[in-house]
C-alpha atoms as a PDB file:
ATOM      1  CA  MET A   1       0.000   0.000   0.000  1.00  0.00           C
ATOM      2  CA  SER A   2       1.324   3.458  -0.826  1.00  0.00           C
ATOM      3  CA  PRO A   3       2.124   5.761   2.112  1.00  0.00           C
ATOM      4  CA  GLY A   4      -0.485   8.409   1.211  1.00  0.00           C
ATOM      5  CA  VAL A   5      -3.458   6.037   1.314  1.00  0.00           C
ATOM      6  CA  GLN A   6      -5.626   6.232   4.416  1.00  0.00           C
ATOM      7  CA  ARG A   7      -7.612   3.136   5.376  1.00  0.00           C
ATOM      8  CA  LEU A   8     -10.572   2.816   7.706  1.00  0.00           C
ATOM      9  CA  ARG A   9      -9.433   1.257  10.991  1.00  0.00           C
ATOM     10  CA  ARG A  10     -10.959   0.977  14.451  1.00  0.00           C
ATOM     11  CA  SER A  11      -9.393   3.444  16.864  1.00  0.00           C
ATOM     12  CA  VAL A  12      -7.111   2.204  19.609  1.00  0.00           C
ATOM     13  CA  ALA A  13      -6.752   5.539  21.407  1.00  0.00           C
ATOM     14  CA  ASP A  14     -10.310   6.911  21.125  1.00  0.00           C
ATOM     15  CA  ARG A  15     -12.674   4.102  21.976  1.00  0.00           C
ATOM     16  CA  TRP A  16     -15.597   3.548  24.275  1.00  0.00           C
ATOM     17  CA  VAL A  17     -16.592   0.035  23.251  1.00  0.00           C
ATOM     18  CA  ALA A  18     -14.712  -1.221  20.197  1.00  0.00           C
ATOM     19  CA  GLY A  19     -13.352   1.928  18.556  1.00  0.00           C
ATOM     20  CA  VAL A  20     -15.739   1.876  15.593  1.00  0.00           C
ATOM     21  CA  CYS A  21     -17.027   5.452  15.931  1.00  0.00           C
ATOM     22  CA  GLY A  22     -13.554   6.701  16.892  1.00  0.00           C
ATOM     23  CA  GLY A  23     -12.097   5.055  13.793  1.00  0.00           C
ATOM     24  CA  ILE A  24     -14.777   6.517  11.545  1.00  0.00           C
ATOM     25  CA  ALA A  25     -14.109   9.960  13.062  1.00  0.00           C
ATOM     26  CA  GLU A  26     -10.354   9.620  12.457  1.00  0.00           C
ATOM     27  CA  TYR A  27     -10.958   8.514   8.868  1.00  0.00           C
ATOM     28  CA  LEU A  28     -13.329  11.411   8.113  1.00  0.00           C
ATOM     29  CA  GLY A  29     -11.397  13.991  10.141  1.00  0.00           C
ATOM     30  CA  LEU A  30     -14.325  14.699  12.465  1.00  0.00           C
ATOM     31  CA  ASP A  31     -14.774  14.984  16.214  1.00  0.00           C
ATOM     32  CA  PRO A  32     -15.437  11.498  17.672  1.00  0.00           C
ATOM     33  CA  THR A  33     -18.172  12.843  19.950  1.00  0.00           C
ATOM     34  CA  LEU A  34     -20.029  14.219  16.932  1.00  0.00           C
ATOM     35  CA  VAL A  35     -19.821  10.852  15.168  1.00  0.00           C
ATOM     36  CA  ARG A  36     -21.116   9.055  18.285  1.00  0.00           C
ATOM     37  CA  VAL A  37     -24.025  11.474  18.729  1.00  0.00           C
ATOM     38  CA  VAL A  38     -25.025  11.216  15.055  1.00  0.00           C
ATOM     39  CA  TYR A  39     -24.772   7.413  15.202  1.00  0.00           C
ATOM     40  CA  VAL A  40     -26.962   7.175  18.319  1.00  0.00           C
ATOM     41  CA  LEU A  41     -29.539   9.609  16.940  1.00  0.00           C
ATOM     42  CA  LEU A  42     -29.646   7.712  13.653  1.00  0.00           C
ATOM     43  CA  ALA A  43     -30.095   4.445  15.523  1.00  0.00           C
ATOM     44  CA  ILE A  44     -32.884   5.828  17.720  1.00  0.00           C
ATOM     45  CA  PHE A  45     -34.887   7.828  15.186  1.00  0.00           C
ATOM     46  CA  SER A  46     -34.599   5.627  12.116  1.00  0.00           C
ATOM     47  CA  ALA A  47     -36.658   2.475  11.910  1.00  0.00           C
ATOM     48  CA  ALA A  48     -34.570   1.369   8.920  1.00  0.00           C
ATOM     49  CA  PHE A  49     -31.214   1.599  10.771  1.00  0.00           C
ATOM     50  CA  PRO A  50     -30.632  -1.249  13.233  1.00  0.00           C
ATOM     51  CA  GLY A  51     -27.901   0.498  15.237  1.00  0.00           C
ATOM     52  CA  ILE A  52     -26.615  -2.311  17.451  1.00  0.00           C
ATOM     53  CA  LEU A  53     -26.522  -4.856  14.644  1.00  0.00           C
ATOM     54  CA  VAL A  54     -24.664  -2.462  12.320  1.00  0.00           C
ATOM     55  CA  TYR A  55     -22.177  -1.631  15.092  1.00  0.00           C
ATOM     56  CA  LEU A  56     -21.488  -5.332  15.713  1.00  0.00           C
ATOM     57  CA  VAL A  57     -20.962  -5.977  11.995  1.00  0.00           C
ATOM     58  CA  LEU A  58     -18.588  -2.985  11.721  1.00  0.00           C
ATOM     59  CA  TRP A  59     -16.738  -4.215  14.821  1.00  0.00           C
ATOM     60  CA  PHE A  60     -16.201  -7.539  13.091  1.00  0.00           C
ATOM     61  CA  LEU A  61     -15.320  -6.137   9.631  1.00  0.00           C
ATOM     62  CA  ILE A  62     -13.125  -3.109  10.373  1.00  0.00           C
ATOM     63  CA  PRO A  63      -9.627  -4.114  11.473  1.00  0.00           C
ATOM     64  CA  GLU A  64      -8.069  -2.488  14.510  1.00  0.00           C
ATOM     65  CA  ARG A  65      -5.404   0.175  13.928  1.00  0.00           C
ATOM     66  CA  GLU A  66      -1.907  -1.138  14.541  1.00  0.00           C
ATOM     67  CA  TYR A  67       0.668   1.064  16.227  1.00  0.00           C
ATOM     68  CA  TYR A  68       4.337   0.153  16.138  1.00  0.00           C
END
């Protein structure tokens, strides 16, 4: 992979449960709290968005960031 390519990874430093929202925030360059609030509101107010199930799938699919 070339050095300029950014990949979606779960956050190691900014995590509450599994680092999914923290990783999405890092990838998009947003505040992690904003991403968490939007995710929770989307999960609560949208009948078509099964929040917990989507979070579990993302937890399984998105690899954790590796720090050396």
